[in-house]
N, C-alpha and C. Protein backbone atom coordinates (compact mmCIF):
# COMPACT_ATOMS: atom_id res chain seq x y z
N MET A 1 96.48 129.18 90.93
CA MET A 1 96.01 129.09 92.32
C MET A 1 94.56 128.67 92.34
N ALA A 2 94.18 127.70 93.15
CA ALA A 2 92.80 127.16 93.14
C ALA A 2 91.85 128.17 93.74
N VAL A 3 90.65 128.24 93.13
CA VAL A 3 89.55 129.06 93.57
C VAL A 3 88.67 128.23 94.52
N MET A 4 88.35 128.72 95.68
CA MET A 4 87.53 127.99 96.67
C MET A 4 86.16 128.72 96.78
N MET A 5 85.15 127.96 97.20
CA MET A 5 83.81 128.50 97.33
C MET A 5 83.19 128.04 98.61
N ALA A 6 82.33 128.91 99.16
CA ALA A 6 81.51 128.57 100.37
C ALA A 6 80.24 129.41 100.29
N GLN A 7 79.20 128.77 100.91
CA GLN A 7 77.88 129.46 101.00
C GLN A 7 77.58 129.87 102.44
N PHE A 8 77.01 131.08 102.54
CA PHE A 8 76.64 131.58 103.86
C PHE A 8 75.15 131.96 103.82
N THR A 9 74.41 131.29 104.69
CA THR A 9 72.97 131.58 104.76
C THR A 9 72.65 132.19 106.11
N PRO A 10 72.17 133.44 106.18
CA PRO A 10 71.93 134.06 107.49
C PRO A 10 70.72 133.49 108.19
N SER A 11 70.76 133.62 109.47
CA SER A 11 69.55 133.25 110.29
C SER A 11 69.60 134.22 111.50
N VAL A 12 68.60 134.98 111.71
CA VAL A 12 68.56 135.97 112.79
C VAL A 12 67.20 135.92 113.52
N VAL A 13 67.18 135.85 114.87
CA VAL A 13 66.01 135.74 115.63
C VAL A 13 66.17 136.72 116.84
N GLU A 14 65.12 137.55 117.12
CA GLU A 14 65.09 138.30 118.35
C GLU A 14 64.57 137.38 119.48
N LEU A 15 65.37 137.23 120.53
CA LEU A 15 64.94 136.33 121.60
C LEU A 15 64.13 137.01 122.68
N GLY A 16 64.53 138.26 123.04
CA GLY A 16 63.76 138.90 124.12
C GLY A 16 64.40 140.23 124.50
N TRP A 17 63.56 141.16 124.95
CA TRP A 17 64.03 142.49 125.30
C TRP A 17 64.36 142.49 126.81
N VAL A 18 65.39 143.24 127.13
CA VAL A 18 65.83 143.39 128.53
C VAL A 18 65.49 144.79 129.03
N ALA A 19 64.74 144.83 130.18
CA ALA A 19 64.32 146.09 130.77
C ALA A 19 65.45 146.75 131.59
N ALA A 20 66.45 147.27 130.85
CA ALA A 20 67.59 147.90 131.49
C ALA A 20 67.87 149.23 130.75
N ASP A 21 68.09 150.29 131.48
CA ASP A 21 68.27 151.60 130.89
C ASP A 21 69.72 151.74 130.26
N GLY A 22 70.71 151.28 131.01
CA GLY A 22 72.09 151.36 130.54
C GLY A 22 72.59 152.80 130.53
N THR A 23 72.62 153.42 131.72
CA THR A 23 73.19 154.78 131.82
C THR A 23 74.70 154.63 131.77
N ALA A 24 75.32 155.82 131.56
CA ALA A 24 76.83 155.87 131.51
C ALA A 24 77.38 155.33 132.81
N ASP A 25 76.87 155.71 133.96
CA ASP A 25 77.39 155.21 135.25
C ASP A 25 77.20 153.70 135.36
N GLN A 26 76.04 153.15 134.96
CA GLN A 26 75.81 151.73 135.08
C GLN A 26 76.74 150.95 134.19
N ILE A 27 76.84 151.37 132.91
CA ILE A 27 77.67 150.62 131.95
C ILE A 27 79.16 150.70 132.36
N SER A 28 79.63 151.90 132.77
CA SER A 28 81.05 152.00 133.07
C SER A 28 81.51 151.21 134.26
N GLN A 29 80.58 150.82 135.16
CA GLN A 29 80.91 150.07 136.36
C GLN A 29 80.69 148.55 136.15
N GLU A 30 80.19 148.11 135.01
CA GLU A 30 79.89 146.73 134.84
C GLU A 30 81.10 145.80 134.63
N PRO A 31 81.32 144.77 135.47
CA PRO A 31 82.47 143.89 135.26
C PRO A 31 82.37 143.19 133.88
N MET A 32 83.56 142.83 133.37
CA MET A 32 83.66 142.17 132.02
C MET A 32 84.27 140.75 132.18
N VAL A 33 83.85 139.85 131.29
CA VAL A 33 84.38 138.48 131.39
C VAL A 33 84.91 138.10 130.01
N PHE A 34 85.77 137.05 130.05
CA PHE A 34 86.38 136.46 128.88
C PHE A 34 86.17 134.94 128.92
N ALA A 35 85.57 134.35 127.89
CA ALA A 35 85.39 132.88 127.80
C ALA A 35 84.90 132.27 129.11
N ALA A 36 83.80 132.77 129.55
CA ALA A 36 83.23 132.44 130.91
C ALA A 36 82.12 131.40 130.78
N SER A 37 82.00 130.59 131.80
CA SER A 37 80.94 129.57 131.91
C SER A 37 79.71 130.25 132.53
N TRP A 38 78.57 129.48 132.44
CA TRP A 38 77.33 130.03 133.12
C TRP A 38 77.65 130.36 134.61
N ASP A 39 78.29 129.43 135.25
CA ASP A 39 78.52 129.59 136.73
C ASP A 39 79.37 130.82 136.98
N PHE A 40 80.43 130.99 136.20
CA PHE A 40 81.39 132.03 136.44
C PHE A 40 80.73 133.41 136.15
N ILE A 41 80.05 133.58 135.06
CA ILE A 41 79.46 134.86 134.77
C ILE A 41 78.30 135.19 135.76
N SER A 42 77.59 134.14 136.18
CA SER A 42 76.51 134.36 137.15
C SER A 42 77.08 134.84 138.48
N GLU A 43 78.30 134.46 138.78
CA GLU A 43 78.92 134.78 140.07
C GLU A 43 79.52 136.22 140.03
N VAL A 44 80.15 136.56 138.92
CA VAL A 44 80.89 137.87 138.85
C VAL A 44 80.18 138.94 138.11
N GLY A 45 79.16 138.61 137.37
CA GLY A 45 78.47 139.62 136.54
C GLY A 45 77.75 140.67 137.38
N GLY A 46 77.79 141.92 136.86
CA GLY A 46 77.11 143.02 137.54
C GLY A 46 75.63 143.10 137.23
N PRO A 47 74.96 144.17 137.68
CA PRO A 47 73.55 144.28 137.49
C PRO A 47 73.03 144.15 136.04
N LEU A 48 73.72 144.79 135.14
CA LEU A 48 73.28 144.68 133.72
C LEU A 48 73.37 143.28 133.18
N THR A 49 74.51 142.61 133.58
CA THR A 49 74.69 141.22 133.16
C THR A 49 73.60 140.36 133.75
N GLN A 50 73.23 140.50 134.98
CA GLN A 50 72.31 139.66 135.66
C GLN A 50 70.94 139.88 135.02
N GLU A 51 70.55 141.11 134.69
CA GLU A 51 69.27 141.34 134.05
C GLU A 51 69.27 140.66 132.66
N ALA A 52 70.29 140.81 131.92
CA ALA A 52 70.39 140.20 130.58
C ALA A 52 70.35 138.67 130.68
N LEU A 53 71.00 138.10 131.65
CA LEU A 53 70.98 136.62 131.81
C LEU A 53 69.62 136.09 132.16
N SER A 54 68.86 136.81 132.93
CA SER A 54 67.56 136.38 133.33
C SER A 54 66.65 136.29 132.10
N VAL A 55 66.75 137.21 131.18
CA VAL A 55 65.96 137.17 129.95
C VAL A 55 66.50 136.03 129.08
N LEU A 56 67.78 135.90 128.99
CA LEU A 56 68.33 134.81 128.13
C LEU A 56 67.85 133.49 128.57
N GLU A 57 67.79 133.20 129.92
CA GLU A 57 67.41 131.89 130.39
C GLU A 57 65.93 131.61 130.19
N GLU A 58 65.13 132.63 129.91
CA GLU A 58 63.76 132.42 129.53
C GLU A 58 63.63 131.81 128.15
N ASN A 59 64.71 131.96 127.32
CA ASN A 59 64.60 131.57 125.93
C ASN A 59 65.60 130.41 125.62
N LEU A 60 66.70 130.39 126.33
CA LEU A 60 67.67 129.29 126.12
C LEU A 60 67.95 128.68 127.49
N LYS A 61 67.36 127.49 127.70
CA LYS A 61 67.44 126.88 129.02
C LYS A 61 68.92 126.46 129.31
N ARG A 62 69.34 126.85 130.51
CA ARG A 62 70.65 126.51 130.91
C ARG A 62 70.98 125.07 130.94
N SER A 63 69.99 124.27 131.32
CA SER A 63 70.17 122.80 131.40
C SER A 63 70.37 122.17 130.00
N GLU A 64 69.88 122.90 128.92
CA GLU A 64 70.06 122.32 127.55
C GLU A 64 71.37 122.76 126.91
N TYR A 65 71.97 123.85 127.41
CA TYR A 65 73.16 124.33 126.87
C TYR A 65 74.21 124.68 127.98
N PRO A 66 74.61 123.59 128.68
CA PRO A 66 75.54 123.83 129.85
C PRO A 66 76.93 124.26 129.45
N GLU A 67 77.37 124.08 128.27
CA GLU A 67 78.76 124.29 127.87
C GLU A 67 78.94 125.58 127.02
N VAL A 68 77.99 126.44 126.97
CA VAL A 68 78.17 127.69 126.25
C VAL A 68 79.25 128.56 126.91
N ILE A 69 79.74 129.53 126.13
CA ILE A 69 80.81 130.38 126.54
C ILE A 69 80.33 131.81 126.46
N PHE A 70 80.59 132.66 127.50
CA PHE A 70 80.17 134.03 127.51
C PHE A 70 81.39 134.98 127.45
N ASP A 71 81.23 136.09 126.73
CA ASP A 71 82.15 137.18 126.69
C ASP A 71 81.43 138.51 126.84
N SER A 72 82.02 139.48 127.50
CA SER A 72 81.40 140.79 127.62
C SER A 72 82.49 141.89 127.59
N ARG A 73 82.03 143.11 127.14
CA ARG A 73 82.92 144.22 127.01
C ARG A 73 82.21 145.49 127.44
N VAL A 74 82.95 146.42 127.99
CA VAL A 74 82.49 147.75 128.27
C VAL A 74 83.46 148.69 127.54
N GLN A 75 82.92 149.61 126.76
CA GLN A 75 83.75 150.49 125.97
C GLN A 75 83.21 151.86 125.99
N LEU A 76 84.08 152.88 125.98
CA LEU A 76 83.71 154.28 125.76
C LEU A 76 84.09 154.60 124.32
N LEU A 77 83.12 154.81 123.47
CA LEU A 77 83.29 155.07 122.06
C LEU A 77 83.15 156.55 121.77
N GLN A 78 84.02 157.06 120.94
CA GLN A 78 83.83 158.43 120.41
C GLN A 78 83.34 158.29 118.99
N LYS A 79 82.83 159.38 118.44
CA LYS A 79 82.25 159.40 117.12
C LYS A 79 83.28 158.84 116.11
N GLY A 80 82.76 157.90 115.31
CA GLY A 80 83.62 157.23 114.27
C GLY A 80 84.36 155.99 114.73
N GLU A 81 84.39 155.73 115.98
CA GLU A 81 85.02 154.55 116.48
C GLU A 81 84.11 153.30 116.47
N TYR A 82 84.74 152.12 116.32
CA TYR A 82 84.01 150.88 116.25
C TYR A 82 84.24 150.07 117.52
N SER A 83 83.27 149.32 117.93
CA SER A 83 83.43 148.50 119.17
C SER A 83 84.09 147.16 118.83
N ALA A 84 84.10 146.74 117.56
CA ALA A 84 84.66 145.45 117.18
C ALA A 84 85.18 145.60 115.73
N ILE A 85 85.46 144.47 115.09
CA ILE A 85 86.04 144.47 113.75
C ILE A 85 85.10 145.14 112.79
N PRO A 86 85.58 146.18 112.04
CA PRO A 86 84.70 146.86 111.11
C PRO A 86 84.36 146.13 109.82
N GLY A 87 85.20 145.12 109.51
CA GLY A 87 84.97 144.35 108.33
C GLY A 87 84.04 143.18 108.53
N TYR A 88 83.31 142.73 107.53
CA TYR A 88 82.39 141.63 107.63
C TYR A 88 83.16 140.34 107.96
N HIS A 89 82.63 139.50 108.77
CA HIS A 89 83.24 138.28 109.23
C HIS A 89 82.25 137.36 109.92
N CYS A 90 82.70 136.16 110.32
CA CYS A 90 81.93 135.29 111.17
C CYS A 90 82.83 134.99 112.41
N ASP A 91 82.16 134.53 113.50
CA ASP A 91 82.90 134.24 114.71
C ASP A 91 83.20 132.78 114.84
N PHE A 92 84.38 132.53 115.56
CA PHE A 92 84.70 131.17 116.00
C PHE A 92 84.92 130.22 114.80
N TYR A 93 85.35 130.68 113.70
CA TYR A 93 85.73 129.72 112.58
C TYR A 93 87.11 129.16 112.89
N ARG A 94 87.25 127.88 112.54
CA ARG A 94 88.54 127.24 112.64
C ARG A 94 89.52 127.92 111.69
N ARG A 95 90.84 127.88 112.06
CA ARG A 95 91.83 128.59 111.29
C ARG A 95 92.91 127.62 110.78
N ILE A 96 93.50 127.96 109.65
CA ILE A 96 94.62 127.32 109.06
C ILE A 96 95.69 128.39 108.83
N ASP A 97 96.83 128.19 109.45
CA ASP A 97 97.92 129.20 109.31
C ASP A 97 97.44 130.62 109.60
N GLY A 98 96.59 130.74 110.67
CA GLY A 98 96.13 132.03 111.13
C GLY A 98 94.94 132.58 110.40
N GLN A 99 94.53 131.96 109.29
CA GLN A 99 93.42 132.44 108.54
C GLN A 99 92.19 131.55 108.68
N PRO A 100 90.94 132.08 108.60
CA PRO A 100 89.75 131.24 108.76
C PRO A 100 89.62 130.25 107.66
N ASP A 101 89.12 129.06 108.00
CA ASP A 101 88.83 128.04 107.04
C ASP A 101 87.38 128.10 106.67
N LEU A 102 87.03 128.66 105.55
CA LEU A 102 85.64 128.87 105.23
C LEU A 102 84.96 127.61 104.74
N THR A 103 85.73 126.51 104.59
CA THR A 103 85.12 125.23 104.27
C THR A 103 84.66 124.46 105.59
N TYR A 104 85.02 125.09 106.70
CA TYR A 104 84.55 124.52 107.97
C TYR A 104 83.03 124.51 108.11
N ASP A 105 82.44 123.41 108.42
CA ASP A 105 81.02 123.22 108.45
C ASP A 105 80.50 123.76 109.78
N ALA A 106 80.38 125.10 109.88
CA ALA A 106 80.00 125.73 111.16
C ALA A 106 78.51 125.53 111.44
N GLN A 107 78.26 124.82 112.51
CA GLN A 107 76.85 124.50 112.88
C GLN A 107 76.41 125.18 114.19
N GLY A 108 77.26 126.02 114.71
CA GLY A 108 76.93 126.64 115.99
C GLY A 108 76.03 127.88 115.88
N TRP A 109 75.83 128.54 117.05
CA TRP A 109 75.07 129.77 117.07
C TRP A 109 75.64 130.69 118.10
N ILE A 110 75.22 132.00 117.93
CA ILE A 110 75.72 133.05 118.82
C ILE A 110 74.51 133.90 119.16
N ALA A 111 74.43 134.31 120.43
CA ALA A 111 73.41 135.32 120.77
C ALA A 111 74.16 136.50 121.46
N SER A 112 73.74 137.67 121.13
CA SER A 112 74.39 138.85 121.68
C SER A 112 73.34 139.87 122.19
N PHE A 113 73.81 140.67 123.21
CA PHE A 113 73.01 141.71 123.77
C PHE A 113 73.86 142.95 123.91
N SER A 114 73.35 144.10 123.54
CA SER A 114 74.09 145.39 123.75
C SER A 114 73.28 146.50 124.26
N LEU A 115 73.90 147.43 124.91
CA LEU A 115 73.28 148.67 125.38
C LEU A 115 74.21 149.85 125.14
N VAL A 116 73.63 150.97 124.81
CA VAL A 116 74.47 152.19 124.74
C VAL A 116 73.79 153.24 125.63
N SER A 117 74.66 154.07 126.21
CA SER A 117 74.18 155.14 127.14
C SER A 117 73.53 156.27 126.38
N ASN A 118 73.91 156.44 125.12
CA ASN A 118 73.34 157.50 124.28
C ASN A 118 72.52 156.77 123.20
N GLY A 119 71.24 156.89 123.28
CA GLY A 119 70.33 156.15 122.35
C GLY A 119 70.47 156.56 120.87
N TRP A 120 71.14 157.66 120.63
CA TRP A 120 71.28 158.10 119.26
C TRP A 120 72.69 157.76 118.66
N ALA A 121 73.42 157.00 119.40
CA ALA A 121 74.89 156.87 119.07
C ALA A 121 75.16 155.81 118.08
N GLY A 122 74.23 155.00 117.68
CA GLY A 122 74.47 153.90 116.71
C GLY A 122 75.23 152.85 117.33
N ALA A 123 76.43 152.43 116.69
CA ALA A 123 77.28 151.38 117.19
C ALA A 123 76.58 150.01 117.30
N GLU A 124 75.65 149.79 116.35
CA GLU A 124 74.99 148.45 116.29
C GLU A 124 75.78 147.45 115.62
N THR A 125 75.39 146.20 115.71
CA THR A 125 75.94 145.18 114.87
C THR A 125 75.10 145.04 113.61
N GLU A 126 75.76 145.00 112.49
CA GLU A 126 75.12 144.86 111.14
C GLU A 126 75.29 143.47 110.57
N VAL A 127 74.20 142.82 110.12
CA VAL A 127 74.33 141.47 109.60
C VAL A 127 73.86 141.46 108.14
N ILE A 128 74.50 140.58 107.35
CA ILE A 128 74.03 140.39 105.97
C ILE A 128 72.74 139.63 106.01
N ALA A 129 71.75 140.06 105.25
CA ALA A 129 70.38 139.55 105.36
C ALA A 129 69.99 138.63 104.24
N GLU A 130 70.91 138.27 103.34
CA GLU A 130 70.61 137.37 102.20
C GLU A 130 71.65 136.32 102.05
N PRO A 131 71.31 135.13 101.55
CA PRO A 131 72.32 134.12 101.30
C PRO A 131 73.36 134.62 100.26
N VAL A 132 74.64 134.28 100.51
CA VAL A 132 75.67 134.69 99.59
C VAL A 132 76.61 133.48 99.32
N ASP A 133 77.08 133.42 98.09
CA ASP A 133 78.11 132.46 97.69
C ASP A 133 79.44 133.20 97.61
N ILE A 134 80.41 132.76 98.37
CA ILE A 134 81.67 133.46 98.42
C ILE A 134 82.76 132.62 97.67
N THR A 135 83.51 133.29 96.85
CA THR A 135 84.64 132.66 96.25
C THR A 135 85.94 133.44 96.70
N TRP A 136 86.97 132.67 96.90
CA TRP A 136 88.23 133.31 97.35
C TRP A 136 89.45 132.49 96.91
N TRP A 137 90.55 133.09 96.78
CA TRP A 137 91.79 132.42 96.43
C TRP A 137 92.99 132.96 97.19
N ASP A 138 92.78 134.11 97.84
CA ASP A 138 93.87 134.68 98.67
C ASP A 138 93.82 134.19 100.04
N ARG A 139 94.67 133.26 100.37
CA ARG A 139 94.64 132.64 101.72
C ARG A 139 95.20 133.53 102.79
N LYS A 140 95.75 134.67 102.43
CA LYS A 140 96.29 135.53 103.43
C LYS A 140 95.32 136.61 103.96
N HIS A 141 94.24 136.84 103.17
CA HIS A 141 93.31 137.91 103.59
C HIS A 141 91.87 137.38 103.31
N VAL A 142 91.51 136.29 104.06
CA VAL A 142 90.22 135.63 103.74
C VAL A 142 89.05 136.53 104.08
N TRP A 143 89.00 137.11 105.31
CA TRP A 143 87.83 137.91 105.63
C TRP A 143 87.76 139.17 104.76
N LYS A 144 88.90 139.67 104.34
CA LYS A 144 88.81 140.82 103.39
C LYS A 144 88.12 140.40 102.12
N SER A 145 88.39 139.21 101.60
CA SER A 145 87.73 138.70 100.42
C SER A 145 86.21 138.63 100.64
N VAL A 146 85.85 138.15 101.85
CA VAL A 146 84.43 138.02 102.13
C VAL A 146 83.84 139.42 102.17
N HIS A 147 84.49 140.35 102.90
CA HIS A 147 83.96 141.71 103.03
C HIS A 147 83.69 142.38 101.68
N ASP A 148 84.68 142.25 100.75
CA ASP A 148 84.55 142.90 99.47
C ASP A 148 83.38 142.35 98.67
N GLN A 149 83.05 141.12 98.91
CA GLN A 149 81.97 140.49 98.11
C GLN A 149 80.58 140.69 98.72
N VAL A 150 80.45 141.06 99.98
CA VAL A 150 79.12 141.26 100.57
C VAL A 150 78.81 142.64 100.97
N LYS A 151 79.76 143.59 100.90
CA LYS A 151 79.54 144.94 101.47
C LYS A 151 78.38 145.69 100.80
N ASP A 152 77.93 145.25 99.59
CA ASP A 152 76.86 145.91 98.90
C ASP A 152 75.54 145.08 98.95
N LYS A 153 75.54 143.98 99.76
CA LYS A 153 74.40 143.11 99.84
C LYS A 153 73.42 143.73 100.86
N SER A 154 72.19 143.24 100.86
CA SER A 154 71.19 143.77 101.75
C SER A 154 71.61 143.35 103.23
N SER A 155 71.33 144.25 104.16
CA SER A 155 71.74 144.05 105.56
C SER A 155 70.67 144.56 106.51
N LEU A 156 70.84 144.25 107.76
CA LEU A 156 69.96 144.79 108.79
C LEU A 156 70.84 145.06 110.04
N LEU A 157 70.35 145.98 110.87
CA LEU A 157 71.01 146.32 112.14
C LEU A 157 70.28 145.62 113.29
N LEU A 158 71.04 145.03 114.23
CA LEU A 158 70.49 144.38 115.37
C LEU A 158 70.23 145.42 116.43
N ASN A 159 69.04 145.37 117.01
CA ASN A 159 68.59 146.36 117.98
C ASN A 159 69.41 146.23 119.27
N HIS A 160 69.77 147.43 119.81
CA HIS A 160 70.26 147.48 121.22
C HIS A 160 69.09 147.13 122.14
N GLY A 161 69.39 146.58 123.27
CA GLY A 161 68.38 146.35 124.31
C GLY A 161 67.70 145.02 124.28
N CYS A 162 68.00 144.21 123.25
CA CYS A 162 67.42 142.86 123.22
C CYS A 162 68.48 141.82 122.78
N TRP A 163 68.17 140.56 123.15
CA TRP A 163 69.03 139.45 122.78
C TRP A 163 68.74 139.14 121.30
N ASN A 164 69.78 139.06 120.50
CA ASN A 164 69.68 138.69 119.07
C ASN A 164 70.45 137.39 118.84
N TRP A 165 69.76 136.39 118.37
CA TRP A 165 70.35 135.10 118.07
C TRP A 165 70.69 135.05 116.60
N ILE A 166 71.92 134.64 116.26
CA ILE A 166 72.33 134.44 114.85
C ILE A 166 73.03 133.12 114.71
N SER A 167 72.91 132.51 113.56
CA SER A 167 73.67 131.28 113.25
C SER A 167 75.17 131.63 113.09
N GLN A 168 75.98 130.67 113.20
CA GLN A 168 77.42 130.91 113.03
C GLN A 168 77.77 131.29 111.64
N LYS A 169 76.98 131.01 110.69
CA LYS A 169 77.20 131.34 109.30
C LYS A 169 76.53 132.65 108.93
N THR A 170 76.07 133.46 109.86
CA THR A 170 75.58 134.81 109.60
C THR A 170 76.73 135.79 109.59
N ILE A 171 76.98 136.35 108.44
CA ILE A 171 78.10 137.35 108.30
C ILE A 171 77.71 138.64 108.91
N HIS A 172 78.60 139.22 109.67
CA HIS A 172 78.23 140.46 110.39
C HIS A 172 79.50 141.32 110.60
N ARG A 173 79.23 142.53 111.08
CA ARG A 173 80.31 143.49 111.43
C ARG A 173 79.82 144.55 112.43
N ALA A 174 80.75 145.23 112.98
CA ALA A 174 80.40 146.37 113.86
C ALA A 174 80.20 147.62 112.99
N THR A 175 79.34 148.52 113.48
CA THR A 175 79.18 149.80 112.83
C THR A 175 79.72 150.89 113.75
N PRO A 176 80.05 152.07 113.21
CA PRO A 176 80.69 153.11 114.02
C PRO A 176 79.72 153.83 114.88
N ALA A 177 80.24 154.36 116.03
CA ALA A 177 79.47 155.28 116.83
C ALA A 177 79.22 156.58 116.12
N LYS A 178 78.00 157.05 116.20
CA LYS A 178 77.63 158.36 115.53
C LYS A 178 77.90 159.53 116.54
N GLU A 179 77.92 159.22 117.80
CA GLU A 179 78.22 160.16 118.85
C GLU A 179 78.95 159.48 119.98
N SER A 180 79.49 160.23 120.91
CA SER A 180 80.12 159.71 122.06
C SER A 180 79.16 158.85 122.94
N THR A 181 79.56 157.64 123.32
CA THR A 181 78.63 156.81 124.09
C THR A 181 79.45 155.71 124.84
N TRP A 182 78.92 155.35 125.99
CA TRP A 182 79.33 154.07 126.59
C TRP A 182 78.53 152.94 125.98
N ARG A 183 79.23 151.78 125.83
CA ARG A 183 78.53 150.62 125.22
C ARG A 183 78.86 149.35 126.02
N PHE A 184 77.86 148.62 126.32
CA PHE A 184 77.96 147.30 127.01
C PHE A 184 77.56 146.27 126.03
N TRP A 185 78.36 145.21 125.90
CA TRP A 185 78.08 144.11 124.97
C TRP A 185 78.33 142.80 125.70
N LEU A 186 77.38 141.86 125.46
CA LEU A 186 77.41 140.53 126.07
C LEU A 186 77.04 139.51 125.02
N ARG A 187 77.91 138.46 124.91
CA ARG A 187 77.73 137.42 123.91
C ARG A 187 77.81 136.02 124.51
N VAL A 188 76.91 135.14 124.02
CA VAL A 188 77.04 133.75 124.45
C VAL A 188 77.15 132.89 123.14
N ALA A 189 78.06 131.99 123.10
CA ALA A 189 78.33 131.19 121.95
C ALA A 189 78.23 129.70 122.23
N HIS A 190 77.58 129.01 121.29
CA HIS A 190 77.51 127.55 121.33
C HIS A 190 78.13 126.97 120.04
N THR A 191 79.36 126.67 120.09
CA THR A 191 80.13 126.15 118.93
C THR A 191 81.02 125.02 119.34
N ASP A 192 81.64 124.38 118.40
CA ASP A 192 82.64 123.36 118.72
C ASP A 192 84.04 123.91 118.66
N ASN A 193 84.19 125.22 118.64
CA ASN A 193 85.52 125.83 118.54
C ASN A 193 85.74 126.88 119.63
N THR A 194 85.28 126.59 120.79
CA THR A 194 85.43 127.55 121.90
C THR A 194 86.03 126.79 123.14
N LYS A 195 86.67 127.51 124.05
CA LYS A 195 87.28 126.88 125.26
C LYS A 195 86.94 127.79 126.41
N CYS A 196 86.53 127.27 127.48
CA CYS A 196 86.25 128.00 128.69
C CYS A 196 87.52 128.28 129.48
N VAL A 197 87.74 129.55 129.84
CA VAL A 197 88.91 129.89 130.65
C VAL A 197 88.54 130.66 131.93
N ASN A 198 87.31 131.19 131.95
CA ASN A 198 86.81 131.90 133.15
C ASN A 198 87.72 132.99 133.68
N LYS A 199 87.87 133.98 132.84
CA LYS A 199 88.73 135.15 133.24
C LYS A 199 87.89 136.44 133.36
N ILE A 200 88.32 137.25 134.26
CA ILE A 200 87.85 138.66 134.28
C ILE A 200 88.62 139.43 133.23
N ARG A 201 87.85 140.07 132.37
CA ARG A 201 88.52 140.86 131.31
C ARG A 201 88.88 142.25 131.92
N ARG A 202 90.16 142.63 131.74
CA ARG A 202 90.63 143.87 132.33
C ARG A 202 90.81 144.98 131.31
N GLN A 203 90.93 144.68 130.08
CA GLN A 203 91.04 145.76 129.03
C GLN A 203 90.12 145.40 127.86
N THR A 204 89.77 146.49 127.11
CA THR A 204 89.12 146.37 125.84
C THR A 204 89.80 147.37 124.90
N MET A 205 89.50 147.21 123.67
CA MET A 205 89.99 148.15 122.65
C MET A 205 88.85 148.63 121.82
N VAL A 206 89.10 149.78 121.11
CA VAL A 206 88.21 150.23 120.12
C VAL A 206 88.98 150.20 118.75
N TYR A 207 88.18 150.29 117.65
CA TYR A 207 88.78 150.22 116.35
C TYR A 207 88.47 151.48 115.54
N VAL A 208 89.47 151.87 114.73
CA VAL A 208 89.26 152.92 113.74
C VAL A 208 89.73 152.43 112.38
N VAL A 209 89.23 153.00 111.37
CA VAL A 209 89.62 152.51 110.04
C VAL A 209 90.46 153.52 109.25
N ASP A 210 90.81 154.60 109.87
CA ASP A 210 91.58 155.64 109.18
C ASP A 210 92.43 156.37 110.16
N GLU A 211 93.74 156.53 109.85
CA GLU A 211 94.65 157.25 110.81
C GLU A 211 94.21 158.65 111.04
N SER A 212 93.47 159.26 110.14
CA SER A 212 93.08 160.66 110.33
C SER A 212 91.95 160.83 111.33
N SER A 213 91.49 159.67 111.88
CA SER A 213 90.31 159.78 112.87
C SER A 213 90.80 160.38 114.18
N GLY A 214 92.11 160.45 114.43
CA GLY A 214 92.48 161.16 115.61
C GLY A 214 93.48 160.47 116.58
N TRP A 215 94.27 159.52 116.02
CA TRP A 215 95.27 158.82 116.86
C TRP A 215 96.22 159.84 117.39
């Protein structure tokens, strides 16, 4: 079986801080969107979304990036639960037979913003902070191969309360909540592998990595 290789070089930039407290009441009432345009999210977004968008537009001009796609989620996390995929991965990679194609020349970027109602709760996004060369041969579990090779590399946590810009080749993962908390998350993506559908998101899920966590 052929061995394949790909290089991932991280790029992380703090774009700007958002002056929003993010209380449990505020976060729990915030509308959510899926694959939304600038116009759609500007129309249906709640107070937290509007505050975050105003800061984003100070750094990423809407006129320069008219075709970006927005997603947002509101989640109630308990201790040990994850807001997203716990394994290391990248977003919006093209897929072959359901698995990501790591040879895809990903040139896009992603910016995300998050708030938690409990400031000690963790649940940050963790990114790999050094260039890595990935080899893989198992086409059925590609991101697992990536995770196993980078889990001991140097990393950093993205701060809640500010917009964080990362390149599409920045490997990242969710981290678990340390305490019970509401979490609001907003992402904007500029890639060649997204499609606008302008939907209100009605459900979200949380992730656990062990059946003994309390299912």
